[in-house]
Amino acid sequence: MCCLFGLIDYRHSLTTKQKNRLAFALAVAAEARGTDATGIAYNSKGKLRIYKRPWPAHYMRFSIPGDATVIMGHTRMTTQGSERKNRNNHPFPGRAGAMSFALAHNGMLCNDKYLRSSLGLPRTKIETDSYIGVQMIEQKRTLDFASLQSMAEQVEGSFCFTVLSQENDLYIVKGDNPLCLYHFPTLGVYVYASTEEILKKALGNAYLTSKKPVQINLGCGDILQIGANGNLSHSRFDTSALFSSYAFPWAYSSRISHGKKEDASDPYLEALKDVASSFGYTPEAIDRLADMGFGADEIEEFMCCGCYEGMIP
C-alpha cells in the first residue's frame, strides 16, 4: 500500500515557496500510506528530474525550482524490492523513443515476472513489480493513450499509475486503487492524492482550504491526460483483467492454523481496513482474516492479488 500525490500549476500562479510547501504537505500527509521511501519527479530546464530517498517524507527537504510546474510524487510501503536499494523506489525513470518519462504506482502487480518473460523484456536490477509498467511503455517506444492502454490491460493485480512526460503532460491510469483529484479553477491548479482524506489534510497544512476546489471523478478503467496547459483528455482501457472481487476462503477457516492472532490495533492492519472497500472487501472481512491468524502482509497480498499460497490448504 503506497500513496500517489502531486500538483499541476498550469497557470503558473503559485510561487516557488508555495509549490515547495504544497508538495511537502502532500508528501507528509501521504505518510499515512507509506513511510519506507519518498520520491518526486518534475521537469526543469527541459530535463526530467527525479529525487527519491529511502526515507519517510517528513525527513525530505524538497528544493523544487521555480520553473517546475508539475510535480508527481510517491510515498512507499515496501512489498517487493528493498527500499534500501534506491533504484527500487518510485518514481521510476523511463524513455519511450525520444521522450523521457517517470512512472509511479500504487498497488501490487502479480504477473510482472511472467510479462517480462513473455514479452521478451530485458532483465533488470530493479526488483519492484511496478517497474514492469516502465518496460512495457518503453517497448512501445511511445508514451500515449495507446501504450498506456496496452500496459493497463496486460498487468494483473491492483493499480493506479501516474506518468509524467518530459513535455509536462501528466497521465493518470486509474485501476481499482483509489485516487482523488481536485481542480482549483481560480488558481489554475490541480492537486491529487490517493485518498480524499490525505488530500484535505495536505491542503489544510498548505493553507489552500480557503479556496474552493472542484473534484474530478475518475472511475476504474479511466485514463486521464492533464496537459501542461491544464486541458483534459480522456481514454479508457478494458478492466476485465483486474481482480474486482474475490471470495475469501472462509470454508478453509477450520483447517488453517497460522499461530498467533494478528493484533487488531496494528496500524498496518487498520490501514488495510481503511482501503478495503477499494478492493471489494469490508473491514469486517479483514478482521476475520486477522482472527484466523493471517498477518497484515499476507492479507494485503490477498487483497491485491486475489490469492496467497498460505491461505490454500
Protein backbone atom coordinates (compact mmCIF):
# COMPACT_ATOMS: atom_id res chain seq x y z
CA MET A 1 0.00 0.00 0.00
CA CYS A 2 1.55 3.28 -1.16
CA CYS A 3 0.37 6.78 -1.93
CA LEU A 4 0.42 8.85 -5.09
CA PHE A 5 0.34 12.65 -4.84
CA GLY A 6 1.11 15.67 -6.93
CA LEU A 7 0.18 19.07 -8.32
CA ILE A 8 -0.15 20.81 -11.68
CA ASP A 9 0.26 24.59 -11.65
CA TYR A 10 -0.75 25.15 -15.26
CA ARG A 11 -1.40 28.89 -14.89
CA HIS A 12 1.89 29.48 -13.03
CA SER A 13 0.02 31.10 -10.18
CA LEU A 14 2.00 29.54 -7.32
CA THR A 15 5.29 30.93 -6.12
CA THR A 16 8.30 28.66 -5.75
CA LYS A 17 7.81 28.74 -1.97
CA GLN A 18 4.12 27.81 -2.32
CA LYS A 19 4.89 24.87 -4.61
CA ASN A 20 7.52 23.53 -2.26
CA ARG A 21 5.21 23.95 0.73
CA LEU A 22 2.31 22.24 -1.04
CA ALA A 23 4.47 19.36 -2.31
CA PHE A 24 5.91 18.81 1.16
CA ALA A 25 2.45 18.97 2.77
CA LEU A 26 1.17 16.37 0.30
CA ALA A 27 4.16 14.09 0.91
CA VAL A 28 3.87 14.27 4.71
CA ALA A 29 0.11 13.63 4.62
CA ALA A 30 0.80 10.70 2.28
CA GLU A 31 2.88 9.04 5.01
CA ALA A 32 -0.43 7.55 6.17
CA ARG A 33 0.01 5.00 3.37
CA GLY A 34 3.76 4.53 3.35
CA THR A 35 6.91 5.67 5.15
CA ASP A 36 9.60 3.42 3.67
CA ALA A 37 10.58 5.77 0.83
CA THR A 38 9.58 9.08 -0.73
CA GLY A 39 10.14 10.45 -4.22
CA ILE A 40 9.14 13.20 -6.62
CA ALA A 41 9.57 13.88 -10.33
CA TYR A 42 9.37 17.19 -12.20
CA ASN A 43 10.69 18.94 -15.29
CA SER A 44 13.17 21.79 -15.05
CA LYS A 45 15.24 23.48 -17.76
CA GLY A 46 13.98 20.99 -20.32
CA LYS A 47 15.03 17.90 -18.36
CA LEU A 48 13.05 15.39 -16.36
CA ARG A 49 14.41 15.14 -12.83
CA ILE A 50 13.72 12.54 -10.14
CA TYR A 51 14.58 12.94 -6.47
CA LYS A 52 13.92 9.97 -4.19
CA ARG A 53 15.29 8.58 -0.96
CA PRO A 54 14.57 5.58 1.34
CA TRP A 55 13.23 7.97 3.98
CA PRO A 56 9.84 8.95 5.40
CA ALA A 57 8.50 12.10 3.78
CA HIS A 58 8.99 14.30 6.84
CA TYR A 59 12.76 13.76 6.54
CA MET A 60 12.78 15.05 2.97
CA ARG A 61 13.74 18.59 2.03
CA PHE A 62 12.39 19.48 -1.39
CA SER A 63 14.07 22.18 -3.46
CA ILE A 64 11.69 22.35 -6.39
CA PRO A 65 12.82 25.08 -8.82
CA GLY A 66 10.57 27.90 -9.91
CA ASP A 67 10.18 26.68 -13.49
CA ALA A 68 8.78 23.30 -12.39
CA THR A 69 5.01 23.46 -12.78
CA VAL A 70 4.11 19.76 -12.48
CA ILE A 71 5.25 17.68 -9.50
CA MET A 72 4.49 13.95 -9.36
CA GLY A 73 5.13 12.22 -6.03
CA HIS A 74 5.01 8.88 -4.23
CA THR A 75 5.37 7.53 -0.71
CA ARG A 76 6.10 3.84 -0.41
CA MET A 77 5.17 0.92 1.77
CA THR A 78 7.53 -1.81 0.61
CA THR A 79 6.03 -5.02 -0.73
CA GLN A 80 8.66 -6.17 -3.26
CA GLY A 81 12.22 -4.94 -3.60
CA SER A 82 14.10 -3.47 -0.65
CA GLU A 83 13.66 0.28 -0.28
CA ARG A 84 17.30 0.49 0.86
CA LYS A 85 18.26 -0.01 -2.78
CA ASN A 86 17.07 3.36 -4.03
CA ARG A 87 16.57 2.06 -7.56
CA ASN A 88 13.58 0.07 -6.20
CA ASN A 89 11.78 3.24 -5.11
CA HIS A 90 9.32 5.40 -7.04
CA PRO A 91 9.16 7.30 -9.32
CA PHE A 92 10.98 5.23 -11.95
CA PRO A 93 12.66 6.80 -14.99
CA GLY A 94 11.86 5.59 -18.48
CA ARG A 95 12.38 6.53 -22.11
CA ALA A 96 9.88 5.93 -24.90
CA GLY A 97 11.56 6.77 -28.18
CA ALA A 98 12.83 10.33 -27.74
CA MET A 99 10.53 11.00 -24.77
CA SER A 100 11.74 10.71 -21.18
CA PHE A 101 9.10 9.95 -18.56
CA ALA A 102 8.68 9.00 -14.92
CA LEU A 103 6.20 6.45 -13.55
CA ALA A 104 4.77 5.90 -10.06
CA HIS A 105 2.39 3.14 -8.99
CA ASN A 106 0.09 2.41 -6.07
CA GLY A 107 -0.92 -1.22 -5.70
CA MET A 108 0.57 -4.64 -6.32
CA LEU A 109 1.10 -6.47 -9.61
CA CYS A 110 1.10 -10.26 -9.72
CA ASN A 111 2.33 -11.06 -13.22
CA ASP A 112 5.37 -8.82 -13.68
CA LYS A 113 7.79 -11.75 -13.99
CA TYR A 114 5.51 -13.53 -16.47
CA LEU A 115 5.17 -10.38 -18.62
CA ARG A 116 8.91 -9.76 -18.60
CA SER A 117 9.45 -13.29 -19.92
CA SER A 118 6.53 -13.49 -22.36
CA LEU A 119 7.16 -10.04 -23.89
CA GLY A 120 10.91 -10.55 -24.16
CA LEU A 121 11.68 -7.58 -21.93
CA PRO A 122 15.23 -7.16 -20.65
CA ARG A 123 16.24 -8.29 -17.19
CA THR A 124 16.66 -5.50 -14.68
CA LYS A 125 18.23 -4.94 -11.29
CA ILE A 126 15.05 -3.18 -10.20
CA GLU A 127 13.10 -5.68 -8.10
CA THR A 128 9.86 -3.72 -7.70
CA ASP A 129 6.83 -5.17 -9.51
CA SER A 130 5.80 -1.67 -10.64
CA TYR A 131 8.79 -1.34 -12.96
CA ILE A 132 7.16 -3.66 -15.49
CA GLY A 133 4.94 -0.69 -16.42
CA VAL A 134 8.00 1.33 -17.42
CA GLN A 135 9.39 -1.52 -19.52
CA MET A 136 6.09 -2.08 -21.33
CA ILE A 137 5.81 1.60 -22.27
CA GLU A 138 9.45 1.62 -23.39
CA GLN A 139 8.80 -1.40 -25.61
CA LYS A 140 6.06 0.55 -27.42
CA ARG A 141 8.58 3.38 -27.98
CA THR A 142 5.89 5.99 -27.37
CA LEU A 143 4.02 7.47 -24.45
CA ASP A 144 0.39 7.99 -25.37
CA PHE A 145 -3.08 6.63 -24.69
CA ALA A 146 -2.45 3.53 -26.81
CA SER A 147 0.74 2.47 -24.97
CA LEU A 148 -0.85 3.14 -21.58
CA GLN A 149 -3.96 1.21 -22.56
CA SER A 150 -1.85 -1.75 -23.68
CA MET A 151 0.08 -1.73 -20.41
CA ALA A 152 -3.04 -1.40 -18.22
CA GLU A 153 -4.82 -4.25 -20.00
CA GLN A 154 -1.95 -6.71 -19.55
CA VAL A 155 -0.85 -6.16 -15.96
CA GLU A 156 -2.78 -8.13 -13.35
CA GLY A 157 -3.36 -7.16 -9.78
CA SER A 158 -4.34 -3.77 -8.39
CA PHE A 159 -3.11 -0.42 -9.54
CA CYS A 160 -3.30 3.26 -10.11
CA PHE A 161 -0.43 4.67 -12.18
CA THR A 162 0.73 8.23 -12.69
CA VAL A 163 3.11 9.01 -15.55
CA LEU A 164 4.85 12.35 -16.14
CA SER A 165 6.27 13.10 -19.58
CA GLN A 166 9.21 15.33 -20.44
CA GLU A 167 6.66 17.67 -22.04
CA ASN A 168 4.84 18.16 -18.71
CA ASP A 169 1.83 16.01 -19.56
CA LEU A 170 0.60 14.04 -16.55
CA TYR A 171 -1.29 10.80 -17.17
CA ILE A 172 -3.42 9.05 -14.57
CA VAL A 173 -4.22 5.39 -15.29
CA LYS A 174 -6.98 4.54 -12.83
CA GLY A 175 -7.38 0.89 -12.00
CA ASP A 176 -9.13 -0.36 -8.87
CA ASN A 177 -6.91 1.57 -6.45
CA PRO A 178 -8.15 4.92 -5.19
CA LEU A 179 -7.19 8.40 -6.34
CA CYS A 180 -8.75 11.79 -5.55
CA LEU A 181 -8.24 14.74 -7.92
CA TYR A 182 -9.15 18.36 -7.15
CA HIS A 183 -9.18 21.31 -9.54
CA PHE A 184 -8.88 24.90 -8.34
CA PRO A 185 -10.20 26.86 -11.37
CA THR A 186 -9.49 30.28 -9.86
CA LEU A 187 -5.85 29.35 -9.30
CA GLY A 188 -5.30 27.17 -12.34
CA VAL A 189 -4.07 24.32 -10.15
CA TYR A 190 -4.80 20.58 -9.99
CA VAL A 191 -3.89 18.66 -6.84
CA TYR A 192 -4.23 14.92 -6.24
CA ALA A 193 -3.57 12.18 -3.71
CA SER A 194 -4.56 8.56 -3.29
CA THR A 195 -7.35 9.41 -0.84
CA GLU A 196 -9.50 12.46 -0.22
CA GLU A 197 -8.61 12.39 3.48
CA ILE A 198 -4.91 12.76 2.67
CA LEU A 199 -5.64 15.47 0.12
CA LYS A 200 -7.75 17.55 2.53
CA LYS A 201 -5.14 17.26 5.27
CA ALA A 202 -2.39 18.43 2.93
CA LEU A 203 -4.41 21.35 1.62
CA GLY A 204 -5.09 22.48 5.18
CA ASN A 205 -1.40 22.37 6.01
CA ALA A 206 -0.59 24.29 2.82
CA TYR A 207 -3.22 26.95 3.56
CA LEU A 208 -5.34 26.21 0.49
CA THR A 209 -8.53 25.30 2.32
CA SER A 210 -9.91 28.80 1.75
CA LYS A 211 -10.04 28.13 -1.99
CA LYS A 212 -12.98 26.17 -3.40
CA PRO A 213 -11.98 23.12 -5.43
CA VAL A 214 -13.96 21.07 -7.92
CA GLN A 215 -13.49 17.31 -7.60
CA ILE A 216 -12.89 15.45 -10.86
CA ASN A 217 -14.26 11.95 -10.66
CA LEU A 218 -12.23 9.10 -12.09
CA GLY A 219 -13.57 5.58 -12.49
CA CYS A 220 -11.85 2.25 -12.81
CA GLY A 221 -10.69 1.96 -16.43
CA ASP A 222 -10.16 5.69 -16.99
CA ILE A 223 -7.00 7.17 -18.45
CA LEU A 224 -6.77 10.92 -17.94
CA GLN A 225 -4.21 13.22 -19.51
CA ILE A 226 -3.71 16.62 -17.89
CA GLY A 227 -1.78 18.75 -20.35
CA ALA A 228 0.81 21.34 -19.45
CA ASN A 229 -1.83 23.98 -20.27
CA GLY A 230 -4.40 22.36 -17.95
CA ASN A 231 -6.53 20.82 -20.71
CA LEU A 232 -8.00 17.39 -20.02
CA SER A 233 -8.15 14.46 -22.43
CA HIS A 234 -9.71 11.08 -21.69
CA SER A 235 -9.42 7.48 -22.82
CA ARG A 236 -10.40 4.07 -21.44
CA PHE A 237 -8.96 0.60 -21.03
CA ASP A 238 -10.60 -2.81 -20.67
CA THR A 239 -10.75 -3.72 -16.98
CA SER A 240 -11.56 -7.41 -17.40
CA ALA A 241 -8.07 -8.47 -16.23
CA LEU A 242 -8.47 -6.66 -12.92
CA PHE A 243 -9.44 -8.56 -9.79
CA SER A 244 -12.56 -6.58 -8.97
CA SER A 245 -13.97 -9.00 -6.43
CA TYR A 246 -12.76 -12.12 -4.69
CA ALA A 247 -14.16 -14.76 -2.44
CA PHE A 248 -12.41 -15.16 0.88
CA PRO A 249 -11.61 -18.79 1.71
CA TRP A 250 -13.94 -18.96 4.69
CA ALA A 251 -14.57 -22.63 4.03
CA TYR A 252 -10.98 -23.33 4.93
CA SER A 253 -11.01 -21.44 8.23
CA SER A 254 -11.26 -24.55 10.39
CA ARG A 255 -8.34 -26.19 8.56
CA ILE A 256 -5.90 -23.26 8.65
CA SER A 257 -3.66 -22.56 11.61
CA HIS A 258 -1.22 -19.65 11.42
CA GLY A 259 -0.38 -19.32 15.09
CA LYS A 260 -0.64 -16.02 16.88
CA LYS A 261 -3.66 -13.89 16.11
CA GLU A 262 -2.90 -10.58 14.40
CA ASP A 263 -3.23 -7.59 16.75
CA ALA A 264 -6.43 -5.80 15.74
CA SER A 265 -4.88 -2.49 16.84
CA ASP A 266 -1.91 -2.86 14.46
CA PRO A 267 -1.70 0.42 12.45
CA TYR A 268 -0.80 -1.56 9.31
CA LEU A 269 -3.94 -3.68 9.70
CA GLU A 270 -6.04 -0.58 10.37
CA ALA A 271 -4.65 0.99 7.17
CA LEU A 272 -5.68 -2.08 5.19
CA LYS A 273 -9.19 -1.85 6.63
CA ASP A 274 -9.36 1.81 5.59
CA VAL A 275 -8.78 0.92 1.93
CA ALA A 276 -10.57 -2.46 1.93
CA SER A 277 -13.59 -1.10 0.04
CA SER A 278 -11.34 -0.15 -2.89
CA PHE A 279 -10.64 -3.87 -3.36
CA GLY A 280 -14.24 -5.01 -2.91
CA TYR A 281 -13.95 -6.07 0.75
CA THR A 282 -15.32 -4.86 4.06
CA PRO A 283 -13.32 -4.01 7.20
CA GLU A 284 -15.11 -6.92 8.88
CA ALA A 285 -13.68 -9.30 6.27
CA ILE A 286 -10.17 -8.06 7.07
CA ASP A 287 -10.81 -8.55 10.79
CA ARG A 288 -11.96 -12.10 10.12
CA LEU A 289 -8.75 -12.97 8.28
CA ALA A 290 -6.78 -11.47 11.16
CA ASP A 291 -8.80 -13.58 13.58
CA MET A 292 -7.81 -16.63 11.55
CA GLY A 293 -4.17 -15.78 12.20
CA PHE A 294 -3.09 -14.20 8.92
CA GLY A 295 -0.53 -11.41 9.15
CA ALA A 296 -1.18 -7.95 7.71
CA ASP A 297 1.32 -8.53 4.90
CA GLU A 298 -0.43 -11.77 3.92
CA ILE A 299 -3.82 -10.03 3.96
CA GLU A 300 -2.51 -7.23 1.75
CA GLU A 301 -1.16 -9.73 -0.79
CA PHE A 302 -4.52 -11.49 -0.91
CA MET A 303 -6.39 -8.18 -1.29
CA CYS A 304 -4.18 -7.14 -4.17
CA CYS A 305 -3.73 -10.43 -5.99
CA GLY A 306 -6.73 -12.49 -5.00
CA CYS A 307 -4.66 -15.38 -3.69
CA TYR A 308 -1.97 -16.25 -1.22
CA GLU A 309 -0.42 -19.67 -1.10
CA GLY A 310 -0.61 -19.80 2.69
CA MET A 311 -4.39 -19.41 2.53
CA ILE A 312 -4.92 -22.55 0.46
CA PRO A 313 -4.79 -25.91 2.29
